[in-house]
C-alpha atoms as a PDB file:
ATOM      1  CA  MET A   1     -61.043 156.611   4.795  1.00  0.00           C
ATOM      2  CA  ASP A   2     -63.342 156.238   7.839  1.00  0.00           C
ATOM      3  CA  ARG A   3     -66.573 157.677   6.736  1.00  0.00           C
ATOM      4  CA  ARG A   4     -67.815 158.692  10.491  1.00  0.00           C
ATOM      5  CA  LEU A   5     -64.536 161.304  10.304  1.00  0.00           C
ATOM      6  CA  ILE A   6     -66.231 162.581   7.405  1.00  0.00           C
ATOM      7  CA  HIS A   7     -69.459 163.277   8.905  1.00  0.00           C
ATOM      8  CA  ARG A   8     -67.772 164.669  11.819  1.00  0.00           C
ATOM      9  CA  VAL A   9     -65.801 167.741  10.023  1.00  0.00           C
ATOM     10  CA  SER A  10     -68.230 170.724  10.161  1.00  0.00           C
ATOM     11  CA  PRO A  11     -68.950 173.170   8.301  1.00  0.00           C
ATOM     12  CA  ALA A  12     -67.118 175.417  10.926  1.00  0.00           C
ATOM     13  CA  THR A  13     -64.227 173.409  10.870  1.00  0.00           C
ATOM     14  CA  VAL A  14     -63.747 173.651   7.388  1.00  0.00           C
ATOM     15  CA  LEU A  15     -64.104 177.527   7.362  1.00  0.00           C
ATOM     16  CA  ALA A  16     -61.607 177.970   9.963  1.00  0.00           C
ATOM     17  CA  THR A  17     -59.246 175.800   8.075  1.00  0.00           C
ATOM     18  CA  ILE A  18     -59.831 178.096   5.145  1.00  0.00           C
ATOM     19  CA  ALA A  19     -59.232 181.013   6.937  1.00  0.00           C
ATOM     20  CA  LEU A  20     -55.860 179.821   8.770  1.00  0.00           C
ATOM     21  CA  PHE A  21     -54.304 179.447   5.165  1.00  0.00           C
ATOM     22  CA  VAL A  22     -55.485 182.353   4.290  1.00  0.00           C
ATOM     23  CA  ALA A  23     -53.946 183.992   7.431  1.00  0.00           C
ATOM     24  CA  LEU A  24     -50.638 182.500   6.745  1.00  0.00           C
ATOM     25  CA  GLY A  25     -50.544 183.344   3.245  1.00  0.00           C
ATOM     26  CA  GLY A  26     -51.086 186.891   4.022  1.00  0.00           C
ATOM     27  CA  THR A  27     -48.576 186.801   7.024  1.00  0.00           C
ATOM     28  CA  SER A  28     -46.175 185.530   4.352  1.00  0.00           C
ATOM     29  CA  VAL A  29     -46.387 188.420   2.090  1.00  0.00           C
ATOM     30  CA  ALA A  30     -46.379 190.998   5.031  1.00  0.00           C
ATOM     31  CA  ALA A  31     -42.963 189.032   6.020  1.00  0.00           C
ATOM     32  CA  VAL A  32     -41.424 189.417   2.834  1.00  0.00           C
ATOM     33  CA  SER A  33     -42.943 193.256   1.740  1.00  0.00           C
ATOM     34  CA  LEU A  34     -41.073 193.925   5.439  1.00  0.00           C
ATOM     35  CA  VAL A  35     -37.774 192.043   4.162  1.00  0.00           C
ATOM     36  CA  VAL A  36     -37.656 193.485   1.103  1.00  0.00           C
ATOM     37  CA  PRO A  37     -39.640 196.610  -0.097  1.00  0.00           C
ATOM     38  CA  ARG A  38     -41.337 197.455  -2.857  1.00  0.00           C
ATOM     39  CA  ASN A  39     -38.785 198.756  -5.898  1.00  0.00           C
ATOM     40  CA  SER A  40     -35.879 198.304  -3.467  1.00  0.00           C
ATOM     41  CA  VAL A  41     -34.141 195.285  -5.955  1.00  0.00           C
ATOM     42  CA  GLY A  42     -31.822 197.284  -8.503  1.00  0.00           C
ATOM     43  CA  THR A  43     -28.671 196.115  -9.992  1.00  0.00           C
ATOM     44  CA  ALA A  44     -26.614 196.635  -6.931  1.00  0.00           C
ATOM     45  CA  GLN A  45     -28.496 193.806  -4.796  1.00  0.00           C
ATOM     46  CA  LEU A  46     -28.263 191.592  -7.728  1.00  0.00           C
ATOM     47  CA  LYS A  47     -25.825 189.114  -8.100  1.00  0.00           C
ATOM     48  CA  ASN A  48     -23.328 188.217 -10.893  1.00  0.00           C
ATOM     49  CA  ASN A  49     -25.430 185.656 -13.259  1.00  0.00           C
ATOM     50  CA  ALA A  50     -28.455 185.887 -11.368  1.00  0.00           C
ATOM     51  CA  VAL A  51     -30.063 187.088 -13.802  1.00  0.00           C
ATOM     52  CA  VAL A  52     -30.841 184.440 -16.478  1.00  0.00           C
ATOM     53  CA  SER A  53     -32.487 183.307 -19.869  1.00  0.00           C
ATOM     54  CA  ALA A  54     -35.609 181.703 -18.305  1.00  0.00           C
ATOM     55  CA  LYS A  55     -36.203 184.900 -16.736  1.00  0.00           C
ATOM     56  CA  ILE A  56     -35.987 187.248 -19.422  1.00  0.00           C
ATOM     57  CA  LYS A  57     -39.268 188.171 -21.826  1.00  0.00           C
ATOM     58  CA  ASN A  58     -38.833 186.852 -25.069  1.00  0.00           C
ATOM     59  CA  GLY A  59     -37.761 189.994 -27.274  1.00  0.00           C
ATOM     60  CA  SER A  60     -37.594 192.057 -24.453  1.00  0.00           C
ATOM     61  CA  LEU A  61     -33.949 193.361 -25.166  1.00  0.00           C
ATOM     62  CA  ARG A  62     -33.234 195.577 -27.538  1.00  0.00           C
ATOM     63  CA  GLY A  63     -29.593 195.979 -29.565  1.00  0.00           C
ATOM     64  CA  ALA A  64     -28.157 198.775 -27.322  1.00  0.00           C
ATOM     65  CA  ASP A  65     -28.518 195.752 -24.546  1.00  0.00           C
ATOM     66  CA  PHE A  66     -25.652 193.918 -26.028  1.00  0.00           C
ATOM     67  CA  ALA A  67     -22.111 194.612 -25.954  1.00  0.00           C
ATOM     68  CA  ALA A  68     -20.357 195.511 -29.001  1.00  0.00           C
ATOM     69  CA  GLY A  69     -19.554 192.040 -31.414  1.00  0.00           C
ATOM     70  CA  GLN A  70     -22.238 189.785 -29.683  1.00  0.00           C
ATOM     71  CA  LEU A  71     -24.870 189.986 -32.425  1.00  0.00           C
ATOM     72  CA  LEU A  72     -24.430 188.689 -35.495  1.00  0.00           C
ATOM     73  CA  ALA A  73     -24.801 190.798 -38.383  1.00  0.00           C
ATOM     74  CA  GLY A  74     -27.428 190.381 -40.518  1.00  0.00           C
ATOM     75  CA  PRO A  75     -27.568 190.276 -44.681  1.00  0.00           C
ATOM     76  CA  ARG A  76     -25.934 192.702 -47.132  1.00  0.00           C
ATOM     77  CA  GLY A  77     -28.636 195.297 -48.039  1.00  0.00           C
ATOM     78  CA  PRO A  78     -29.403 196.001 -51.428  1.00  0.00           C
ATOM     79  CA  VAL A  79     -26.885 198.677 -53.175  1.00  0.00           C
ATOM     80  CA  GLY A  80     -28.372 201.999 -53.355  1.00  0.00           C
ATOM     81  CA  PRO A  81     -29.045 204.334 -55.870  1.00  0.00           C
ATOM     82  CA  ALA A  82     -26.181 206.410 -56.911  1.00  0.00           C
ATOM     83  CA  GLY A  83     -25.260 209.688 -55.777  1.00  0.00           C
ATOM     84  CA  PRO A  84     -25.436 213.340 -57.444  1.00  0.00           C
ATOM     85  CA  VAL A  85     -22.188 214.028 -59.351  1.00  0.00           C
ATOM     86  CA  GLY A  86     -19.774 216.238 -57.658  1.00  0.00           C
ATOM     87  CA  PRO A  87     -18.478 219.190 -59.077  1.00  0.00           C
ATOM     88  CA  ALA A  88     -15.491 218.767 -61.035  1.00  0.00           C
ATOM     89  CA  GLY A  89     -12.545 219.332 -59.831  1.00  0.00           C
ATOM     90  CA  PRO A  90      -9.479 221.078 -61.103  1.00  0.00           C
ATOM     91  CA  GLY A  91      -8.069 218.849 -64.377  1.00  0.00           C
ATOM     92  CA  ALA A  92      -4.705 219.120 -65.227  1.00  0.00           C
ATOM     93  CA  LYS A  93      -3.227 219.651 -69.193  1.00  0.00           C
ATOM     94  CA  TRP A  94       1.046 218.937 -69.339  1.00  0.00           C
ATOM     95  CA  ALA A  95       3.514 217.973 -71.469  1.00  0.00           C
ATOM     96  CA  LEU A  96       7.490 216.756 -71.463  1.00  0.00           C
ATOM     97  CA  VAL A  97       8.932 218.887 -74.680  1.00  0.00           C
ATOM     98  CA  ARG A  98      12.662 218.303 -75.847  1.00  0.00           C
ATOM     99  CA  PRO A  99      14.992 220.688 -76.180  1.00  0.00           C
ATOM    100  CA  ASP A 100      14.048 220.777 -80.252  1.00  0.00           C
ATOM    101  CA  GLY A 101      10.236 221.315 -79.331  1.00  0.00           C
ATOM    102  CA  SER A 102       9.104 217.967 -79.480  1.00  0.00           C
ATOM    103  CA  VAL A 103       6.347 216.715 -77.318  1.00  0.00           C
ATOM    104  CA  ILE A 104       7.403 213.166 -75.774  1.00  0.00           C
ATOM    105  CA  ALA A 105       5.347 213.013 -73.544  1.00  0.00           C
ATOM    106  CA  GLN A 106       1.828 214.381 -72.116  1.00  0.00           C
ATOM    107  CA  SER A 107      -1.736 214.129 -70.343  1.00  0.00           C
ATOM    108  CA  GLY A 108      -3.485 214.737 -73.613  1.00  0.00           C
ATOM    109  CA  GLY A 109      -4.740 217.832 -76.066  1.00  0.00           C
ATOM    110  CA  VAL A 110      -1.285 219.664 -76.123  1.00  0.00           C
ATOM    111  CA  THR A 111       0.742 220.436 -79.122  1.00  0.00           C
ATOM    112  CA  LEU A 112       3.528 222.620 -80.494  1.00  0.00           C
ATOM    113  CA  THR A 113       2.175 225.498 -82.630  1.00  0.00           C
ATOM    114  CA  ALA A 114       5.653 226.998 -83.015  1.00  0.00           C
ATOM    115  CA  LYS A 115       9.357 227.182 -81.728  1.00  0.00           C
ATOM    116  CA  SER A 116       9.844 230.389 -83.175  1.00  0.00           C
ATOM    117  CA  GLY A 117      13.953 231.125 -81.714  1.00  0.00           C
ATOM    118  CA  PRO A 118      16.716 229.806 -79.369  1.00  0.00           C
ATOM    119  CA  GLY A 119      14.691 228.867 -76.171  1.00  0.00           C
ATOM    120  CA  GLN A 120      11.382 229.836 -77.190  1.00  0.00           C
ATOM    121  CA  TYR A 121       8.440 227.671 -77.800  1.00  0.00           C
ATOM    122  CA  ILE A 122       4.411 228.410 -78.151  1.00  0.00           C
ATOM    123  CA  LEU A 123       1.926 225.533 -77.065  1.00  0.00           C
ATOM    124  CA  ASP A 124      -1.388 225.093 -77.480  1.00  0.00           C
ATOM    125  CA  PHE A 125      -3.383 223.393 -75.015  1.00  0.00           C
ATOM    126  CA  GLY A 126      -6.958 223.679 -76.459  1.00  0.00           C
ATOM    127  CA  VAL A 127      -7.944 225.277 -73.649  1.00  0.00           C
ATOM    128  CA  ALA A 128      -8.078 228.935 -72.228  1.00  0.00           C
ATOM    129  CA  THR A 129      -5.006 229.033 -69.742  1.00  0.00           C
ATOM    130  CA  THR A 130      -5.992 232.129 -68.025  1.00  0.00           C
ATOM    131  CA  GLY A 131      -6.818 232.047 -64.792  1.00  0.00           C
ATOM    132  CA  LYS A 132      -4.869 228.823 -64.418  1.00  0.00           C
ATOM    133  CA  LEU A 133      -2.097 227.836 -62.540  1.00  0.00           C
ATOM    134  CA  ILE A 134       0.853 227.471 -65.377  1.00  0.00           C
ATOM    135  CA  ILE A 135       4.187 225.622 -63.886  1.00  0.00           C
ATOM    136  CA  ALA A 136       7.212 225.052 -66.228  1.00  0.00           C
ATOM    137  CA  THR A 137      10.053 223.403 -64.953  1.00  0.00           C
ATOM    138  CA  SER A 138      13.387 222.403 -66.229  1.00  0.00           C
ATOM    139  CA  ALA A 139      13.467 218.691 -67.507  1.00  0.00           C
ATOM    140  CA  ARG A 140      16.050 215.679 -68.494  1.00  0.00           C
ATOM    141  CA  ALA A 141      14.870 214.126 -71.416  1.00  0.00           C
ATOM    142  CA  ASN A 142      18.489 213.509 -72.704  1.00  0.00           C
ATOM    143  CA  ASP A 143      19.351 217.186 -71.876  1.00  0.00           C
ATOM    144  CA  LEU A 144      21.974 217.419 -69.431  1.00  0.00           C
ATOM    145  CA  GLU A 145      23.504 220.236 -70.040  1.00  0.00           C
ATOM    146  CA  PHE A 146      23.146 223.326 -67.308  1.00  0.00           C
ATOM    147  CA  ARG A 147      20.720 225.966 -67.749  1.00  0.00           C
ATOM    148  CA  GLY A 148      19.117 228.611 -66.132  1.00  0.00           C
ATOM    149  CA  MET A 149      15.335 229.757 -65.617  1.00  0.00           C
ATOM    150  CA  VAL A 150      12.274 228.497 -67.223  1.00  0.00           C
ATOM    151  CA  SER A 151       9.123 230.839 -67.555  1.00  0.00           C
ATOM    152  CA  ALA A 152       5.754 230.354 -68.844  1.00  0.00           C
ATOM    153  CA  GLY A 153       2.688 232.828 -69.556  1.00  0.00           C
ATOM    154  CA  PRO A 154      -0.696 232.477 -71.678  1.00  0.00           C
ATOM    155  CA  CYS A 155      -0.072 234.279 -74.914  1.00  0.00           C
ATOM    156  CA  GLY A 156      -3.018 236.828 -75.663  1.00  0.00           C
ATOM    157  CA  GLY A 157      -1.125 240.171 -74.826  1.00  0.00           C
ATOM    158  CA  THR A 158      -3.196 239.864 -71.322  1.00  0.00           C
ATOM    159  CA  SER A 159      -1.859 241.011 -68.335  1.00  0.00           C
ATOM    160  CA  GLU A 160      -1.157 237.015 -66.903  1.00  0.00           C
ATOM    161  CA  GLY A 161       1.281 236.685 -69.860  1.00  0.00           C
ATOM    162  CA  SER A 162       2.208 238.715 -73.238  1.00  0.00           C
ATOM    163  CA  ALA A 163       1.446 238.593 -76.797  1.00  0.00           C
ATOM    164  CA  CYS A 164       2.942 236.021 -78.989  1.00  0.00           C
ATOM    165  CA  PRO A 165       4.482 235.958 -82.238  1.00  0.00           C
ATOM    166  CA  VAL A 166       1.982 233.017 -83.354  1.00  0.00           C
ATOM    167  CA  GLY A 167      -0.882 231.773 -81.918  1.00  0.00           C
ATOM    168  CA  ASN A 168      -1.581 234.617 -79.541  1.00  0.00           C
ATOM    169  CA  ASP A 169      -4.693 233.569 -77.641  1.00  0.00           C
ATOM    170  CA  VAL A 170      -5.487 232.105 -74.768  1.00  0.00           C
ATOM    171  CA  ASN A 171      -5.192 228.734 -75.402  1.00  0.00           C
ATOM    172  CA  HIS A 172      -1.878 229.000 -76.345  1.00  0.00           C
ATOM    173  CA  VAL A 173       1.369 229.332 -73.500  1.00  0.00           C
ATOM    174  CA  ASN A 174       5.208 230.694 -74.513  1.00  0.00           C
ATOM    175  CA  VAL A 175       7.215 229.167 -72.961  1.00  0.00           C
ATOM    176  CA  ILE A 176      10.847 230.373 -72.631  1.00  0.00           C
ATOM    177  CA  THR A 177      13.818 228.709 -71.151  1.00  0.00           C
ATOM    178  CA  ASN A 178      17.328 230.372 -70.551  1.00  0.00           C
ATOM    179  CA  GLY A 179      21.109 229.430 -70.907  1.00  0.00           C
ATOM    180  CA  PRO A 180      23.533 228.837 -67.777  1.00  0.00           C
ATOM    181  CA  ALA A 181      24.186 232.559 -67.608  1.00  0.00           C
ATOM    182  CA  GLU A 182      20.592 233.809 -67.478  1.00  0.00           C
ATOM    183  CA  LYS A 183      21.668 236.111 -70.425  1.00  0.00           C
ATOM    184  CA  GLU A 184      20.574 234.190 -73.374  1.00  0.00           C
ATOM    185  CA  ARG A 185      17.738 232.046 -74.535  1.00  0.00           C
ATOM    186  CA  SER A 186      19.032 228.524 -75.070  1.00  0.00           C
ATOM    187  CA  ASP A 187      17.141 225.077 -76.217  1.00  0.00           C
ATOM    188  CA  HIS A 188      16.510 223.120 -72.645  1.00  0.00           C
ATOM    189  CA  ALA A 189      13.955 220.156 -72.390  1.00  0.00           C
ATOM    190  CA  PHE A 190      11.348 221.438 -69.683  1.00  0.00           C
ATOM    191  CA  TYR A 191       7.876 220.056 -67.822  1.00  0.00           C
ATOM    192  CA  ILE A 192       4.666 222.410 -68.574  1.00  0.00           C
ATOM    193  CA  ALA A 193       1.091 222.340 -66.764  1.00  0.00           C
ATOM    194  CA  VAL A 194      -1.356 224.064 -66.927  1.00  0.00           C
ATOM    195  CA  ILE A 195      -3.747 223.239 -63.837  1.00  0.00           C
ATOM    196  CA  GLY A 196      -7.318 224.402 -63.392  1.00  0.00           C
END
């Protein structure tokens, strides 16, 4: 470059050049502000796929910003402590009894105390049966003959049952099976259950 040219540039020329650049810069900012006012660009103004990864600050997005299934699940956490034991539900004791009084299937703890006559069975459940649901129904158990109703209730002479000739306490249940005419007691197989 010619040294004469450099010596000819005066300080005033340098300042004028700087002022020109500042003026042009300010004008461009002002022009952009007129076209796009501050805080005026929103979702509606953005084109699809206009925001790319390079324009998003790392660590600024949250789980709620992603669609379901887009984020990978983390490793399974440790198993928590066991919760408290809930209240005990109603238990059930049941038995399947043949016409001769033999118990051939049961939940456990049910025994025949006595067969006190035709169609009369007294069973020991080992727990109080009063205040509980007692269900008795006919069964097959190789007993295919016609029969009448089956009825049952706790022993002990309570209002829920009756007094029994043996085992007369509330742990015992008296089951009666009737003949087909409902006029006499007759030996037949039955299911008996105490629930509660």
